[in-house]
Amino acid sequence: MKKIVSSGKRMTTVNLDGTECEVVFSSSYNVFSVKAENTVTMALESGKSEGDDGVITVPAGESRMYPHMRGLKSVFITGSGKVEVFASNEAVNPFKSAPVNNGGYNANLLINPDFKINQRGLATYSGISAYSVDHWFRNSEATMNIAENGITLTYSGTSNPSVFQKIENTKLLLGKTLTFSACIDGAVYSCTNILPDAFSGTAAYFAFARLDGSTSMPDNSVPHIRMQILTGLNLICVLNNVSGCEWAKLEIGSTATPYSPPDPATELIKCQRYYQIRSTNNIAAVDMRPNMREGADIKITALSDGNYSYAAEL
């Protein structure tokens, strides 16, 4: 079975007949998302079955995202009933996840939410402001240490004692209700608000949760988590002056739903869209696998071990 998607279209609906269906888009994409009426599987190659490497199961009534970052036109779906298929280049699931037995969860929009992908390989990050574990930026006042469960943090000042993650393509989330949560010292803190369509100022906080429980606007000396908009409509999720973090989660919706640890292999692929280490410094952007962030000015840096980093970070 084959479904050819009309030119330029990124979403389609397919009624599966119980056999494998190849859904073919007119352009190449890095992410496929599927919402299924019944339980189905999706894969990037034909002939794959549930349990095989590279196969994702989509439970009945739910959706799953497959961020492969390989620039593909086809996804293979096996099962029966109606499925909705969406292709994109952003790791954002467009479908709202459905609860299961009142214990459902929404997709986590953060990359490397448990800090376990650490391609730079250091045990401690300190000094000038820079990226640290993958996709997390550390301001200069923060020292980050890798822990068994997450990270621990210490600070040299209170003007900007934070680490944060920047969200690509914030415009896709405008007008949506967002919830940011984080597990700090075994307790979960969360903040919720609607991401407005327009902002005044250059660094607008639009949601925060103080660790002391106060509802007063915090300054940087107060331990808290927050969602913030920077100049250029860039959303960041901030851990400010906290002692560490086990995991963090950003989701669409007004409730902090349970955290689910990501698959490490899938998370590494997502991270390598922004940062990779290779043995030579002359690999063309088109030959990078997975493909790095489209439109980025890739910075190549020689490393002390003789390898080279390729950075296309936000």
C-alpha atoms as a PDB file:
ATOM      1  CA  MET A   1       0.000   0.000   0.000  1.00  0.00           C
ATOM      2  CA  LYS A   2       1.297   3.477  -0.861  1.00  0.00           C
ATOM      3  CA  LYS A   3      -0.024   6.968  -0.144  1.00  0.00           C
ATOM      4  CA  ILE A   4       1.358   9.794  -2.289  1.00  0.00           C
ATOM      5  CA  VAL A   5       0.948  13.152  -0.562  1.00  0.00           C
ATOM      6  CA  SER A   6       0.068  16.114  -2.787  1.00  0.00           C
ATOM      7  CA  SER A   7       2.932  18.426  -3.673  1.00  0.00           C
ATOM      8  CA  GLY A   8       3.705  20.930  -0.935  1.00  0.00           C
ATOM      9  CA  LYS A   9       1.430  19.272   1.630  1.00  0.00           C
ATOM     10  CA  ARG A  10       2.910  18.226   4.992  1.00  0.00           C
ATOM     11  CA  MET A  11      -0.106  16.476   6.528  1.00  0.00           C
ATOM     12  CA  THR A  12      -2.253  13.622   5.306  1.00  0.00           C
ATOM     13  CA  THR A  13      -4.783  11.073   6.566  1.00  0.00           C
ATOM     14  CA  VAL A  14      -4.535   7.393   5.667  1.00  0.00           C
ATOM     15  CA  ASN A  15      -6.981   4.532   6.282  1.00  0.00           C
ATOM     16  CA  LEU A  16      -4.728   1.536   6.869  1.00  0.00           C
ATOM     17  CA  ASP A  17      -5.848  -1.934   5.726  1.00  0.00           C
ATOM     18  CA  GLY A  18      -3.694  -4.000   8.089  1.00  0.00           C
ATOM     19  CA  THR A  19      -0.651  -4.080   5.814  1.00  0.00           C
ATOM     20  CA  GLU A  20       2.366  -1.795   5.556  1.00  0.00           C
ATOM     21  CA  CYS A  21       1.726   1.596   3.970  1.00  0.00           C
ATOM     22  CA  GLU A  22       4.481   3.803   2.574  1.00  0.00           C
ATOM     23  CA  VAL A  23       3.519   7.471   2.992  1.00  0.00           C
ATOM     24  CA  VAL A  24       5.486   9.514   0.461  1.00  0.00           C
ATOM     25  CA  PHE A  25       5.869  13.301   0.718  1.00  0.00           C
ATOM     26  CA  SER A  26       6.988  15.501  -2.168  1.00  0.00           C
ATOM     27  CA  SER A  27       9.896  16.999  -0.191  1.00  0.00           C
ATOM     28  CA  SER A  28      12.453  15.662   2.281  1.00  0.00           C
ATOM     29  CA  TYR A  29      11.857  16.132   6.025  1.00  0.00           C
ATOM     30  CA  ASN A  30      13.677  15.396   9.279  1.00  0.00           C
ATOM     31  CA  VAL A  31      10.722  14.577  11.547  1.00  0.00           C
ATOM     32  CA  PHE A  32       7.584  12.462  11.085  1.00  0.00           C
ATOM     33  CA  SER A  33       4.671  12.538  13.559  1.00  0.00           C
ATOM     34  CA  VAL A  34       1.799  10.038  13.586  1.00  0.00           C
ATOM     35  CA  LYS A  35      -1.531  10.048  15.426  1.00  0.00           C
ATOM     36  CA  ALA A  36      -3.334   6.701  15.307  1.00  0.00           C
ATOM     37  CA  GLU A  37      -6.862   5.470  15.863  1.00  0.00           C
ATOM     38  CA  ASN A  38      -5.551   1.971  16.607  1.00  0.00           C
ATOM     39  CA  THR A  39      -2.089   0.799  17.653  1.00  0.00           C
ATOM     40  CA  VAL A  40       0.338   1.036  14.713  1.00  0.00           C
ATOM     41  CA  THR A  41       4.083   1.022  14.106  1.00  0.00           C
ATOM     42  CA  MET A  42       6.186   3.459  12.109  1.00  0.00           C
ATOM     43  CA  ALA A  43       9.611   2.928  10.621  1.00  0.00           C
ATOM     44  CA  LEU A  44      11.965   4.546   8.146  1.00  0.00           C
ATOM     45  CA  GLU A  45      12.495   1.350   6.148  1.00  0.00           C
ATOM     46  CA  SER A  46      10.134  -1.172   4.611  1.00  0.00           C
ATOM     47  CA  GLY A  47       9.637  -4.611   6.144  1.00  0.00           C
ATOM     48  CA  LYS A  48      10.213  -3.627   9.770  1.00  0.00           C
ATOM     49  CA  SER A  49       8.148  -5.089  12.620  1.00  0.00           C
ATOM     50  CA  GLU A  50       7.418  -4.109  16.211  1.00  0.00           C
ATOM     51  CA  GLY A  51      10.491  -4.777  18.317  1.00  0.00           C
ATOM     52  CA  ASP A  52      12.943  -4.239  15.464  1.00  0.00           C
ATOM     53  CA  ASP A  53      15.570  -1.514  15.741  1.00  0.00           C
ATOM     54  CA  GLY A  54      14.271   1.817  14.509  1.00  0.00           C
ATOM     55  CA  VAL A  55      10.589   0.938  14.947  1.00  0.00           C
ATOM     56  CA  ILE A  56       8.321   3.184  17.029  1.00  0.00           C
ATOM     57  CA  THR A  57       4.960   1.944  18.318  1.00  0.00           C
ATOM     58  CA  VAL A  58       2.090   4.437  18.390  1.00  0.00           C
ATOM     59  CA  PRO A  59      -0.538   3.309  20.944  1.00  0.00           C
ATOM     60  CA  ALA A  60      -4.246   3.565  20.100  1.00  0.00           C
ATOM     61  CA  GLY A  61      -5.553   7.103  20.518  1.00  0.00           C
ATOM     62  CA  GLU A  62      -2.106   8.617  20.933  1.00  0.00           C
ATOM     63  CA  SER A  63       0.599  10.241  18.836  1.00  0.00           C
ATOM     64  CA  ARG A  64       4.345   9.776  18.557  1.00  0.00           C
ATOM     65  CA  MET A  65       7.123  11.786  16.924  1.00  0.00           C
ATOM     66  CA  TYR A  66      10.077  10.268  15.018  1.00  0.00           C
ATOM     67  CA  PRO A  67      12.934  12.841  14.863  1.00  0.00           C
ATOM     68  CA  HIS A  68      15.307  10.969  12.541  1.00  0.00           C
ATOM     69  CA  MET A  69      17.101  14.056  11.091  1.00  0.00           C
ATOM     70  CA  ARG A  70      17.977  12.168   7.876  1.00  0.00           C
ATOM     71  CA  GLY A  71      16.138  14.219   5.270  1.00  0.00           C
ATOM     72  CA  LEU A  72      13.656  11.554   4.079  1.00  0.00           C
ATOM     73  CA  LYS A  73      10.503  11.638   1.986  1.00  0.00           C
ATOM     74  CA  SER A  74       8.935   8.348   3.143  1.00  0.00           C
ATOM     75  CA  VAL A  75       7.716   6.829   6.399  1.00  0.00           C
ATOM     76  CA  PHE A  76       6.364   3.255   6.642  1.00  0.00           C
ATOM     77  CA  ILE A  77       3.296   2.679   8.831  1.00  0.00           C
ATOM     78  CA  THR A  78       1.815  -0.728   9.605  1.00  0.00           C
ATOM     79  CA  GLY A  79      -1.555  -1.420  11.215  1.00  0.00           C
ATOM     80  CA  SER A  80      -5.235  -0.763  10.672  1.00  0.00           C
ATOM     81  CA  GLY A  81      -7.631   2.150  11.035  1.00  0.00           C
ATOM     82  CA  LYS A  82      -7.183   5.865  10.472  1.00  0.00           C
ATOM     83  CA  VAL A  83      -3.829   7.570  11.005  1.00  0.00           C
ATOM     84  CA  GLU A  84      -2.801  11.207  10.593  1.00  0.00           C
ATOM     85  CA  VAL A  85       0.747  11.776   9.391  1.00  0.00           C
ATOM     86  CA  PHE A  86       2.660  15.065   9.637  1.00  0.00           C
ATOM     87  CA  ALA A  87       6.115  15.865   8.216  1.00  0.00           C
ATOM     88  CA  SER A  88       8.327  18.723   9.429  1.00  0.00           C
ATOM     89  CA  ASN A  89      11.862  19.845  10.126  1.00  0.00           C
ATOM     90  CA  GLU A  90      11.126  20.841  13.738  1.00  0.00           C
ATOM     91  CA  ALA A  91      11.051  18.413  16.660  1.00  0.00           C
ATOM     92  CA  VAL A  92       7.582  19.557  17.757  1.00  0.00           C
ATOM     93  CA  ASN A  93       4.697  17.092  17.816  1.00  0.00           C
ATOM     94  CA  PRO A  94       1.645  18.880  16.305  1.00  0.00           C
ATOM     95  CA  PHE A  95      -0.822  16.395  17.766  1.00  0.00           C
ATOM     96  CA  LYS A  96      -2.166  16.655  21.278  1.00  0.00           C
ATOM     97  CA  SER A  97      -1.373  13.518  23.271  1.00  0.00           C
ATOM     98  CA  ALA A  98      -4.366  11.699  24.731  1.00  0.00           C
ATOM     99  CA  PRO A  99      -4.455  10.556  28.372  1.00  0.00           C
ATOM    100  CA  VAL A 100      -4.217   6.845  29.105  1.00  0.00           C
ATOM    101  CA  ASN A 101      -5.961   5.529  32.273  1.00  0.00           C
ATOM    102  CA  ASN A 102      -5.839   9.074  33.712  1.00  0.00           C
ATOM    103  CA  GLY A 103      -2.051   8.802  33.799  1.00  0.00           C
ATOM    104  CA  GLY A 104      -1.301  10.176  30.334  1.00  0.00           C
ATOM    105  CA  TYR A 105       1.514  12.502  29.453  1.00  0.00           C
ATOM    106  CA  ASN A 106       2.211  15.166  26.859  1.00  0.00           C
ATOM    107  CA  ALA A 107       5.253  15.224  24.617  1.00  0.00           C
ATOM    108  CA  ASN A 108       8.333  16.948  26.029  1.00  0.00           C
ATOM    109  CA  LEU A 109       9.421  19.808  23.760  1.00  0.00           C
ATOM    110  CA  LEU A 110      12.849  20.069  25.402  1.00  0.00           C
ATOM    111  CA  ILE A 111      15.862  18.311  23.905  1.00  0.00           C
ATOM    112  CA  ASN A 112      18.118  16.329  26.269  1.00  0.00           C
ATOM    113  CA  PRO A 113      15.745  16.983  29.199  1.00  0.00           C
ATOM    114  CA  ASP A 114      17.653  14.717  31.609  1.00  0.00           C
ATOM    115  CA  PHE A 115      21.098  16.113  30.676  1.00  0.00           C
ATOM    116  CA  LYS A 116      22.461  12.656  29.763  1.00  0.00           C
ATOM    117  CA  ILE A 117      23.670  13.508  26.239  1.00  0.00           C
ATOM    118  CA  ASN A 118      27.087  15.053  26.803  1.00  0.00           C
ATOM    119  CA  GLN A 119      29.041  14.989  23.536  1.00  0.00           C
ATOM    120  CA  ARG A 120      31.642  17.455  24.820  1.00  0.00           C
ATOM    121  CA  GLY A 121      32.477  14.842  27.428  1.00  0.00           C
ATOM    122  CA  LEU A 122      33.413  17.026  30.415  1.00  0.00           C
ATOM    123  CA  ALA A 123      32.470  16.213  34.000  1.00  0.00           C
ATOM    124  CA  THR A 124      32.449  19.888  34.983  1.00  0.00           C
ATOM    125  CA  TYR A 125      31.569  23.003  32.978  1.00  0.00           C
ATOM    126  CA  SER A 126      32.695  26.408  34.240  1.00  0.00           C
ATOM    127  CA  GLY A 127      34.200  29.682  33.051  1.00  0.00           C
ATOM    128  CA  ILE A 128      32.899  31.808  30.197  1.00  0.00           C
ATOM    129  CA  SER A 129      29.253  31.507  29.163  1.00  0.00           C
ATOM    130  CA  ALA A 130      28.904  28.597  26.746  1.00  0.00           C
ATOM    131  CA  TYR A 131      27.009  25.443  25.900  1.00  0.00           C
ATOM    132  CA  SER A 132      27.652  22.507  28.216  1.00  0.00           C
ATOM    133  CA  VAL A 133      25.775  19.197  28.084  1.00  0.00           C
ATOM    134  CA  ASP A 134      23.971  19.080  24.770  1.00  0.00           C
ATOM    135  CA  HIS A 135      21.465  21.854  24.090  1.00  0.00           C
ATOM    136  CA  TRP A 136      21.845  23.476  27.543  1.00  0.00           C
ATOM    137  CA  PHE A 137      23.545  26.877  27.778  1.00  0.00           C
ATOM    138  CA  ARG A 138      25.366  27.823  30.978  1.00  0.00           C
ATOM    139  CA  ASN A 139      25.921  31.427  31.991  1.00  0.00           C
ATOM    140  CA  SER A 140      29.388  32.279  33.343  1.00  0.00           C
ATOM    141  CA  GLU A 141      28.340  32.504  37.004  1.00  0.00           C
ATOM    142  CA  ALA A 142      27.168  28.886  36.976  1.00  0.00           C
ATOM    143  CA  THR A 143      29.385  25.832  37.418  1.00  0.00           C
ATOM    144  CA  MET A 144      27.736  22.616  36.237  1.00  0.00           C
ATOM    145  CA  ASN A 145      28.771  19.166  37.452  1.00  0.00           C
ATOM    146  CA  ILE A 146      27.499  15.971  35.879  1.00  0.00           C
ATOM    147  CA  ALA A 147      25.709  13.791  38.442  1.00  0.00           C
ATOM    148  CA  GLU A 148      24.327  10.267  38.345  1.00  0.00           C
ATOM    149  CA  ASN A 149      20.833  11.715  38.020  1.00  0.00           C
ATOM    150  CA  GLY A 150      20.999  15.009  36.175  1.00  0.00           C
ATOM    151  CA  ILE A 151      23.270  17.903  37.101  1.00  0.00           C
ATOM    152  CA  THR A 152      24.360  19.845  40.176  1.00  0.00           C
ATOM    153  CA  LEU A 153      24.989  23.591  40.074  1.00  0.00           C
ATOM    154  CA  THR A 154      27.007  26.109  42.082  1.00  0.00           C
ATOM    155  CA  TYR A 155      27.387  29.842  41.469  1.00  0.00           C
ATOM    156  CA  SER A 156      29.979  32.587  41.774  1.00  0.00           C
ATOM    157  CA  GLY A 157      27.480  35.481  41.778  1.00  0.00           C
ATOM    158  CA  THR A 158      23.821  36.470  41.532  1.00  0.00           C
ATOM    159  CA  SER A 159      23.639  38.717  38.445  1.00  0.00           C
ATOM    160  CA  ASN A 160      22.893  35.827  36.070  1.00  0.00           C
ATOM    161  CA  PRO A 161      23.208  32.456  37.877  1.00  0.00           C
ATOM    162  CA  SER A 162      21.412  30.212  35.422  1.00  0.00           C
ATOM    163  CA  VAL A 163      21.361  27.531  32.776  1.00  0.00           C
ATOM    164  CA  PHE A 164      18.730  27.469  30.072  1.00  0.00           C
ATOM    165  CA  GLN A 165      17.505  25.883  26.868  1.00  0.00           C
ATOM    166  CA  LYS A 166      16.419  27.938  23.871  1.00  0.00           C
ATOM    167  CA  ILE A 167      13.381  26.698  21.903  1.00  0.00           C
ATOM    168  CA  GLU A 168      13.727  26.701  18.132  1.00  0.00           C
ATOM    169  CA  ASN A 169      10.838  28.104  16.064  1.00  0.00           C
ATOM    170  CA  THR A 170       9.034  29.729  18.978  1.00  0.00           C
ATOM    171  CA  LYS A 171       6.508  31.171  16.513  1.00  0.00           C
ATOM    172  CA  LEU A 172       4.921  27.711  16.195  1.00  0.00           C
ATOM    173  CA  LEU A 173       3.892  27.944  19.861  1.00  0.00           C
ATOM    174  CA  LEU A 174       2.414  31.460  19.864  1.00  0.00           C
ATOM    175  CA  GLY A 175      -1.003  31.575  21.481  1.00  0.00           C
ATOM    176  CA  LYS A 176      -0.631  28.132  23.055  1.00  0.00           C
ATOM    177  CA  THR A 177      -0.765  27.331  26.754  1.00  0.00           C
ATOM    178  CA  LEU A 178       2.650  26.051  27.864  1.00  0.00           C
ATOM    179  CA  THR A 179       3.774  24.371  31.075  1.00  0.00           C
ATOM    180  CA  PHE A 180       7.411  24.196  32.165  1.00  0.00           C
ATOM    181  CA  SER A 181       8.326  21.827  35.001  1.00  0.00           C
ATOM    182  CA  ALA A 182      11.562  20.647  36.601  1.00  0.00           C
ATOM    183  CA  CYS A 183      12.585  18.144  39.268  1.00  0.00           C
ATOM    184  CA  ILE A 184      14.911  19.845  41.763  1.00  0.00           C
ATOM    185  CA  ASP A 185      16.126  18.059  44.906  1.00  0.00           C
ATOM    186  CA  GLY A 186      13.387  15.469  44.424  1.00  0.00           C
ATOM    187  CA  ALA A 187      10.554  18.019  44.249  1.00  0.00           C
ATOM    188  CA  VAL A 188       8.724  19.008  41.056  1.00  0.00           C
ATOM    189  CA  TYR A 189       8.075  22.698  40.381  1.00  0.00           C
ATOM    190  CA  SER A 190       5.979  23.961  37.464  1.00  0.00           C
ATOM    191  CA  CYS A 191       4.698  27.169  35.896  1.00  0.00           C
ATOM    192  CA  THR A 192       2.002  27.675  33.267  1.00  0.00           C
ATOM    193  CA  ASN A 193       0.843  30.495  31.018  1.00  0.00           C
ATOM    194  CA  ILE A 194      -0.255  31.315  27.479  1.00  0.00           C
ATOM    195  CA  LEU A 195       2.587  32.303  25.165  1.00  0.00           C
ATOM    196  CA  PRO A 196       1.294  35.662  23.883  1.00  0.00           C
ATOM    197  CA  ASP A 197       1.471  36.722  20.265  1.00  0.00           C
ATOM    198  CA  ALA A 198       3.371  39.906  21.054  1.00  0.00           C
ATOM    199  CA  PHE A 199       5.727  41.199  23.751  1.00  0.00           C
ATOM    200  CA  SER A 200       6.905  44.549  25.040  1.00  0.00           C
ATOM    201  CA  GLY A 201      10.461  44.850  26.264  1.00  0.00           C
ATOM    202  CA  THR A 202      13.435  42.638  25.500  1.00  0.00           C
ATOM    203  CA  ALA A 203      13.370  40.001  28.239  1.00  0.00           C
ATOM    204  CA  ALA A 204       9.790  39.280  29.270  1.00  0.00           C
ATOM    205  CA  TYR A 205       9.111  36.685  31.965  1.00  0.00           C
ATOM    206  CA  PHE A 206       5.691  35.219  31.267  1.00  0.00           C
ATOM    207  CA  ALA A 207       5.691  32.359  33.804  1.00  0.00           C
ATOM    208  CA  PHE A 208       7.775  31.407  36.842  1.00  0.00           C
ATOM    209  CA  ALA A 209       7.754  29.186  39.917  1.00  0.00           C
ATOM    210  CA  ARG A 210       9.813  30.113  42.959  1.00  0.00           C
ATOM    211  CA  LEU A 211      11.226  27.309  45.070  1.00  0.00           C
ATOM    212  CA  ASP A 212      10.143  29.146  48.237  1.00  0.00           C
ATOM    213  CA  GLY A 213       6.508  29.089  47.109  1.00  0.00           C
ATOM    214  CA  SER A 214       6.105  32.865  46.903  1.00  0.00           C
ATOM    215  CA  THR A 215       4.137  34.317  43.988  1.00  0.00           C
ATOM    216  CA  SER A 216       6.131  37.576  43.926  1.00  0.00           C
ATOM    217  CA  MET A 217       8.210  38.256  40.822  1.00  0.00           C
ATOM    218  CA  PRO A 218      11.715  36.848  41.539  1.00  0.00           C
ATOM    219  CA  ASP A 219      15.026  38.504  40.850  1.00  0.00           C
ATOM    220  CA  ASN A 220      18.068  36.458  39.892  1.00  0.00           C
ATOM    221  CA  SER A 221      19.124  35.942  43.514  1.00  0.00           C
ATOM    222  CA  VAL A 222      15.966  33.884  44.166  1.00  0.00           C
ATOM    223  CA  PRO A 223      15.961  30.173  43.220  1.00  0.00           C
ATOM    224  CA  HIS A 224      13.240  29.634  40.630  1.00  0.00           C
ATOM    225  CA  ILE A 225      12.378  28.242  37.208  1.00  0.00           C
ATOM    226  CA  ARG A 226      10.883  30.396  34.488  1.00  0.00           C
ATOM    227  CA  MET A 227       9.799  30.735  30.884  1.00  0.00           C
ATOM    228  CA  GLN A 228      11.144  33.876  29.272  1.00  0.00           C
ATOM    229  CA  ILE A 229      11.117  35.596  25.882  1.00  0.00           C
ATOM    230  CA  LEU A 230      14.313  37.170  24.566  1.00  0.00           C
ATOM    231  CA  THR A 231      14.763  39.727  21.819  1.00  0.00           C
ATOM    232  CA  GLY A 232      13.784  38.218  18.476  1.00  0.00           C
ATOM    233  CA  LEU A 233      10.942  36.130  19.949  1.00  0.00           C
ATOM    234  CA  ASN A 234      13.135  33.353  21.320  1.00  0.00           C
ATOM    235  CA  LEU A 235      11.582  31.304  24.107  1.00  0.00           C
ATOM    236  CA  ILE A 236      13.964  30.012  26.784  1.00  0.00           C
ATOM    237  CA  CYS A 237      13.327  27.684  29.727  1.00  0.00           C
ATOM    238  CA  VAL A 238      15.516  28.765  32.631  1.00  0.00           C
ATOM    239  CA  LEU A 239      16.828  27.062  35.774  1.00  0.00           C
ATOM    240  CA  ASN A 240      17.861  30.019  37.938  1.00  0.00           C
ATOM    241  CA  ASN A 241      20.046  29.770  41.042  1.00  0.00           C
ATOM    242  CA  VAL A 242      18.944  26.212  41.811  1.00  0.00           C
ATOM    243  CA  SER A 243      21.202  23.551  43.331  1.00  0.00           C
ATOM    244  CA  GLY A 244      20.729  21.134  40.448  1.00  0.00           C
ATOM    245  CA  CYS A 245      18.146  19.393  38.342  1.00  0.00           C
ATOM    246  CA  GLU A 246      17.215  15.780  37.589  1.00  0.00           C
ATOM    247  CA  TRP A 247      15.017  16.541  34.573  1.00  0.00           C
ATOM    248  CA  ALA A 248      13.005  19.312  32.947  1.00  0.00           C
ATOM    249  CA  LYS A 249       9.933  19.324  30.742  1.00  0.00           C
ATOM    250  CA  LEU A 250       8.178  21.800  28.454  1.00  0.00           C
ATOM    251  CA  GLU A 251       4.775  20.770  27.162  1.00  0.00           C
ATOM    252  CA  ILE A 252       1.671  22.133  25.497  1.00  0.00           C
ATOM    253  CA  GLY A 253      -1.191  22.260  27.975  1.00  0.00           C
ATOM    254  CA  SER A 254      -2.150  23.753  31.314  1.00  0.00           C
ATOM    255  CA  THR A 255      -1.025  20.839  33.499  1.00  0.00           C
ATOM    256  CA  ALA A 256       2.392  19.378  34.288  1.00  0.00           C
ATOM    257  CA  THR A 257       1.905  15.789  33.150  1.00  0.00           C
ATOM    258  CA  PRO A 258       4.251  12.966  34.244  1.00  0.00           C
ATOM    259  CA  TYR A 259       7.829  13.002  32.998  1.00  0.00           C
ATOM    260  CA  SER A 260       8.906  10.093  30.800  1.00  0.00           C
ATOM    261  CA  PRO A 261      12.659   9.533  30.224  1.00  0.00           C
ATOM    262  CA  PRO A 262      13.546   9.814  26.518  1.00  0.00           C
ATOM    263  CA  ASP A 263      15.165   7.053  24.489  1.00  0.00           C
ATOM    264  CA  PRO A 264      18.928   7.866  24.560  1.00  0.00           C
ATOM    265  CA  ALA A 265      19.530   6.854  20.928  1.00  0.00           C
ATOM    266  CA  THR A 266      16.718   9.070  19.650  1.00  0.00           C
ATOM    267  CA  GLU A 267      17.821  11.932  21.886  1.00  0.00           C
ATOM    268  CA  LEU A 268      21.392  11.745  20.550  1.00  0.00           C
ATOM    269  CA  ILE A 269      20.107  12.102  16.988  1.00  0.00           C
ATOM    270  CA  LYS A 270      18.115  15.179  18.001  1.00  0.00           C
ATOM    271  CA  CYS A 271      21.172  16.679  19.682  1.00  0.00           C
ATOM    272  CA  GLN A 272      23.396  16.034  16.654  1.00  0.00           C
ATOM    273  CA  ARG A 273      21.214  18.345  14.601  1.00  0.00           C
ATOM    274  CA  TYR A 274      22.940  21.126  16.580  1.00  0.00           C
ATOM    275  CA  TYR A 275      26.337  19.672  17.554  1.00  0.00           C
ATOM    276  CA  GLN A 276      28.516  16.850  16.217  1.00  0.00           C
ATOM    277  CA  ILE A 277      32.079  15.639  16.629  1.00  0.00           C
ATOM    278  CA  ARG A 278      33.905  14.346  13.553  1.00  0.00           C
ATOM    279  CA  SER A 279      37.471  13.231  12.771  1.00  0.00           C
ATOM    280  CA  THR A 280      38.068  15.791   9.989  1.00  0.00           C
ATOM    281  CA  ASN A 281      37.276  19.458   9.475  1.00  0.00           C
ATOM    282  CA  ASN A 282      36.231  19.348   5.832  1.00  0.00           C
ATOM    283  CA  ILE A 283      32.858  17.598   5.838  1.00  0.00           C
ATOM    284  CA  ALA A 284      30.308  19.496   3.749  1.00  0.00           C
ATOM    285  CA  ALA A 285      27.055  20.410   5.481  1.00  0.00           C
ATOM    286  CA  VAL A 286      25.085  18.324   2.979  1.00  0.00           C
ATOM    287  CA  ASP A 287      27.094  15.229   3.968  1.00  0.00           C
ATOM    288  CA  MET A 288      26.564  15.516   7.723  1.00  0.00           C
ATOM    289  CA  ARG A 289      24.565  12.657   9.239  1.00  0.00           C
ATOM    290  CA  PRO A 290      22.175  13.463  10.710  1.00  0.00           C
ATOM    291  CA  ASN A 291      21.607  16.711   8.810  1.00  0.00           C
ATOM    292  CA  MET A 292      22.442  19.728  10.929  1.00  0.00           C
ATOM    293  CA  ARG A 293      20.076  22.625  11.530  1.00  0.00           C
ATOM    294  CA  GLU A 294      18.910  24.112   8.251  1.00  0.00           C
ATOM    295  CA  GLY A 295      20.184  27.609   7.522  1.00  0.00           C
ATOM    296  CA  ALA A 296      22.717  27.587  10.370  1.00  0.00           C
ATOM    297  CA  ASP A 297      26.239  28.993  10.079  1.00  0.00           C
ATOM    298  CA  ILE A 298      28.141  25.878  11.148  1.00  0.00           C
ATOM    299  CA  LYS A 299      31.182  26.644  13.306  1.00  0.00           C
ATOM    300  CA  ILE A 300      34.046  24.112  13.122  1.00  0.00           C
ATOM    301  CA  THR A 301      36.490  23.981  16.047  1.00  0.00           C
ATOM    302  CA  ALA A 302      39.619  21.863  16.531  1.00  0.00           C
ATOM    303  CA  LEU A 303      39.500  19.794  19.735  1.00  0.00           C
ATOM    304  CA  SER A 304      42.391  18.786  21.959  1.00  0.00           C
ATOM    305  CA  ASP A 305      42.037  15.105  21.039  1.00  0.00           C
ATOM    306  CA  GLY A 306      42.580  15.802  17.326  1.00  0.00           C
ATOM    307  CA  ASN A 307      38.901  15.670  16.380  1.00  0.00           C
ATOM    308  CA  TYR A 308      36.662  18.562  15.315  1.00  0.00           C
ATOM    309  CA  SER A 309      33.355  19.852  16.600  1.00  0.00           C
ATOM    310  CA  TYR A 310      30.644  21.078  14.224  1.00  0.00           C
ATOM    311  CA  ALA A 311      28.276  23.486  16.001  1.00  0.00           C
ATOM    312  CA  ALA A 312      24.964  24.823  14.696  1.00  0.00           C
ATOM    313  CA  GLU A 313      23.549  25.692  18.097  1.00  0.00           C
ATOM    314  CA  LEU A 314      20.879  28.338  18.660  1.00  0.00           C
END
